Each structure stands twice: as C-alpha cells, then as structure tokens.
Amino acid sequence: MKFEYEIKVLGRKGYRISGDDHSEKLAEMVQLTSNELGKDGWELISVFPSLMSGGAAAKLLATYKRMVN
C-alpha cells in the first residue's frame, strides 16, 4: 500500500489567546476540515499544537493521509 500525506495549519487570524480558551473553536475547525477532506478520502492521523500563546494552543498542525493507487 502507498499513501500520500497532507498537513494543514489550523488556526484563525485575530485570535486573542492570552487567558482565553479557544478549544471549542479549534475543535470546530478540525471537524470542518476533516469532514471536507474526508469527502476526498483523507483520514486524520494526528493533531498537535504548532503555536502556543499564553499557555493555550493558538494553531494546530493536522496531518491527513489517504491511499494512492
């Protein structure tokens, strides 16, 4: 089996992070992106913070894979 990978940076510009909890907004972004990419066969395989600010994740790196022929 062969796979290809897609890495997306998820986060919104203009977030004021310090002291604010944006977990719900980030979760919604992961869900929307995953559902959209899933239509084309992409599967989410990992998510981790790529930018921390004030102890909170400001951006996430989401890695997707799909099988290629």
N, C-alpha and C. Protein backbone atom coordinates (compact mmCIF):
# COMPACT_ATOMS: atom_id res chain seq x y z
N MET A 1 0.83 -1.19 0.00
CA MET A 1 0.00 0.00 0.00
C MET A 1 0.88 1.25 0.00
N LYS A 2 0.43 2.24 -0.73
CA LYS A 2 1.11 3.53 -0.77
C LYS A 2 0.16 4.60 -0.27
N PHE A 3 0.73 5.58 0.43
CA PHE A 3 -0.07 6.66 0.98
C PHE A 3 0.52 8.00 0.58
N GLU A 4 -0.33 9.00 0.55
CA GLU A 4 0.14 10.38 0.44
C GLU A 4 -0.37 11.12 1.68
N TYR A 5 0.33 12.19 2.02
CA TYR A 5 0.04 12.92 3.25
C TYR A 5 -0.21 14.39 2.96
N GLU A 6 -1.08 14.97 3.76
CA GLU A 6 -1.42 16.40 3.67
C GLU A 6 -1.34 16.96 5.08
N ILE A 7 -0.62 18.05 5.25
CA ILE A 7 -0.51 18.69 6.56
C ILE A 7 -1.14 20.07 6.47
N LYS A 8 -2.08 20.32 7.37
CA LYS A 8 -2.81 21.59 7.40
C LYS A 8 -2.49 22.33 8.69
N VAL A 9 -2.30 23.64 8.58
CA VAL A 9 -2.18 24.50 9.75
C VAL A 9 -3.57 25.06 10.02
N LEU A 10 -4.09 24.77 11.21
CA LEU A 10 -5.43 25.22 11.56
C LEU A 10 -5.35 26.27 12.65
N GLY A 11 -5.96 27.39 12.41
CA GLY A 11 -5.99 28.49 13.36
C GLY A 11 -6.56 29.70 12.65
N ARG A 12 -7.11 30.59 13.42
CA ARG A 12 -7.69 31.80 12.82
C ARG A 12 -6.87 33.01 13.17
N LYS A 13 -6.75 33.89 12.22
CA LYS A 13 -6.08 35.17 12.48
C LYS A 13 -6.96 36.01 13.39
N GLY A 14 -6.32 36.80 14.21
CA GLY A 14 -7.08 37.70 15.07
C GLY A 14 -7.49 37.10 16.40
N TYR A 15 -7.07 35.84 16.67
CA TYR A 15 -7.37 35.27 17.97
C TYR A 15 -6.62 36.03 19.05
N ARG A 16 -7.30 36.38 20.08
CA ARG A 16 -6.64 36.92 21.25
C ARG A 16 -6.55 35.75 22.21
N ILE A 17 -5.37 35.20 22.38
CA ILE A 17 -5.19 33.93 23.06
C ILE A 17 -5.03 34.07 24.57
N SER A 18 -4.23 34.98 25.01
CA SER A 18 -3.86 35.06 26.42
C SER A 18 -5.09 35.04 27.33
N GLY A 19 -5.20 33.99 28.11
CA GLY A 19 -6.29 33.86 29.07
C GLY A 19 -7.61 33.37 28.48
N ASP A 20 -7.72 33.26 27.18
CA ASP A 20 -8.95 32.81 26.55
C ASP A 20 -8.84 31.33 26.18
N ASP A 21 -9.94 30.61 26.33
CA ASP A 21 -9.98 29.19 25.94
C ASP A 21 -10.65 29.08 24.58
N HIS A 22 -9.89 28.68 23.58
CA HIS A 22 -10.40 28.55 22.21
C HIS A 22 -10.55 27.10 21.79
N SER A 23 -10.66 26.20 22.77
CA SER A 23 -10.76 24.77 22.47
C SER A 23 -11.93 24.45 21.56
N GLU A 24 -13.09 25.03 21.83
CA GLU A 24 -14.27 24.75 21.02
C GLU A 24 -14.09 25.22 19.58
N LYS A 25 -13.51 26.40 19.41
CA LYS A 25 -13.29 26.93 18.06
C LYS A 25 -12.28 26.09 17.30
N LEU A 26 -11.20 25.69 17.97
CA LEU A 26 -10.20 24.85 17.32
C LEU A 26 -10.78 23.48 16.98
N ALA A 27 -11.58 22.91 17.90
CA ALA A 27 -12.22 21.62 17.63
C ALA A 27 -13.15 21.71 16.43
N GLU A 28 -13.88 22.80 16.33
CA GLU A 28 -14.79 23.00 15.20
C GLU A 28 -13.99 23.08 13.88
N MET A 29 -12.85 23.77 13.91
CA MET A 29 -12.02 23.87 12.71
C MET A 29 -11.49 22.51 12.29
N VAL A 30 -11.06 21.69 13.27
CA VAL A 30 -10.57 20.34 12.96
C VAL A 30 -11.71 19.51 12.36
N GLN A 31 -12.89 19.60 12.95
CA GLN A 31 -14.03 18.83 12.45
C GLN A 31 -14.42 19.25 11.04
N LEU A 32 -14.54 20.54 10.80
CA LEU A 32 -14.93 21.02 9.47
C LEU A 32 -13.90 20.64 8.41
N THR A 33 -12.62 20.83 8.73
CA THR A 33 -11.55 20.49 7.79
C THR A 33 -11.53 18.99 7.53
N SER A 34 -11.67 18.20 8.59
CA SER A 34 -11.63 16.74 8.45
C SER A 34 -12.81 16.23 7.63
N ASN A 35 -13.98 16.79 7.86
CA ASN A 35 -15.16 16.37 7.08
C ASN A 35 -14.99 16.73 5.60
N GLU A 36 -14.44 17.91 5.34
CA GLU A 36 -14.24 18.33 3.95
C GLU A 36 -13.21 17.45 3.25
N LEU A 37 -12.07 17.22 3.91
CA LEU A 37 -11.04 16.38 3.31
C LEU A 37 -11.47 14.92 3.24
N GLY A 38 -12.28 14.49 4.21
CA GLY A 38 -12.76 13.10 4.23
C GLY A 38 -13.58 12.76 3.00
N LYS A 39 -14.22 13.74 2.41
CA LYS A 39 -15.00 13.51 1.18
C LYS A 39 -14.10 13.05 0.04
N ASP A 40 -12.83 13.41 0.11
CA ASP A 40 -11.87 13.01 -0.92
C ASP A 40 -10.97 11.88 -0.46
N GLY A 41 -11.36 11.21 0.63
CA GLY A 41 -10.62 10.03 1.09
C GLY A 41 -9.51 10.28 2.08
N TRP A 42 -9.35 11.52 2.56
CA TRP A 42 -8.31 11.83 3.54
C TRP A 42 -8.76 11.42 4.93
N GLU A 43 -7.83 10.85 5.70
CA GLU A 43 -8.10 10.41 7.07
C GLU A 43 -7.17 11.18 8.01
N LEU A 44 -7.73 11.75 9.07
CA LEU A 44 -6.94 12.47 10.06
C LEU A 44 -6.14 11.45 10.87
N ILE A 45 -4.81 11.66 10.95
CA ILE A 45 -3.99 10.71 11.71
C ILE A 45 -3.29 11.34 12.90
N SER A 46 -3.14 12.67 12.93
CA SER A 46 -2.56 13.31 14.11
C SER A 46 -2.87 14.79 14.14
N VAL A 47 -2.91 15.31 15.36
CA VAL A 47 -3.10 16.75 15.59
C VAL A 47 -2.20 17.12 16.76
N PHE A 48 -1.45 18.21 16.60
CA PHE A 48 -0.69 18.71 17.73
C PHE A 48 -0.51 20.21 17.61
N PRO A 49 -0.29 20.88 18.74
CA PRO A 49 -0.15 22.34 18.71
C PRO A 49 1.12 22.76 17.99
N SER A 50 1.00 23.78 17.16
CA SER A 50 2.18 24.30 16.46
C SER A 50 2.56 25.68 16.96
N LEU A 51 1.64 26.33 17.66
CA LEU A 51 1.91 27.66 18.21
C LEU A 51 1.19 27.78 19.53
N MET A 52 1.95 28.05 20.56
CA MET A 52 1.37 28.24 21.89
C MET A 52 1.47 29.71 22.26
N SER A 53 0.45 30.21 22.93
CA SER A 53 0.45 31.61 23.36
C SER A 53 -0.28 31.69 24.69
N GLY A 54 0.39 32.17 25.69
CA GLY A 54 -0.24 32.31 27.00
C GLY A 54 -0.71 30.99 27.57
N GLY A 55 -0.02 29.90 27.25
CA GLY A 55 -0.38 28.58 27.76
C GLY A 55 -1.48 27.88 26.99
N ALA A 56 -1.96 28.47 25.91
CA ALA A 56 -3.03 27.87 25.11
C ALA A 56 -2.55 27.65 23.69
N ALA A 57 -3.12 26.65 23.03
CA ALA A 57 -2.79 26.40 21.63
C ALA A 57 -3.46 27.46 20.76
N ALA A 58 -2.65 28.13 19.96
CA ALA A 58 -3.18 29.14 19.05
C ALA A 58 -3.37 28.58 17.65
N LYS A 59 -2.52 27.62 17.28
CA LYS A 59 -2.61 26.97 15.98
C LYS A 59 -2.32 25.49 16.16
N LEU A 60 -2.88 24.70 15.27
CA LEU A 60 -2.68 23.25 15.29
C LEU A 60 -2.14 22.79 13.95
N LEU A 61 -1.33 21.74 13.98
CA LEU A 61 -0.92 21.05 12.76
C LEU A 61 -1.72 19.76 12.70
N ALA A 62 -2.48 19.58 11.64
CA ALA A 62 -3.28 18.38 11.45
C ALA A 62 -2.72 17.62 10.26
N THR A 63 -2.41 16.34 10.47
CA THR A 63 -1.85 15.50 9.42
C THR A 63 -2.91 14.52 8.94
N TYR A 64 -3.08 14.45 7.63
CA TYR A 64 -4.06 13.57 6.99
C TYR A 64 -3.32 12.64 6.04
N LYS A 65 -3.89 11.46 5.83
CA LYS A 65 -3.32 10.54 4.84
C LYS A 65 -4.45 9.92 4.03
N ARG A 66 -4.09 9.47 2.83
CA ARG A 66 -5.02 8.68 2.02
C ARG A 66 -4.21 7.74 1.16
N MET A 67 -4.85 6.65 0.80
CA MET A 67 -4.22 5.64 -0.03
C MET A 67 -4.17 6.11 -1.48
N VAL A 68 -3.05 5.83 -2.14
CA VAL A 68 -2.93 6.13 -3.57
C VAL A 68 -2.78 4.83 -4.32
N ASN A 69 -3.19 4.85 -5.55
CA ASN A 69 -3.09 3.63 -6.39
C ASN A 69 -1.76 3.54 -7.07
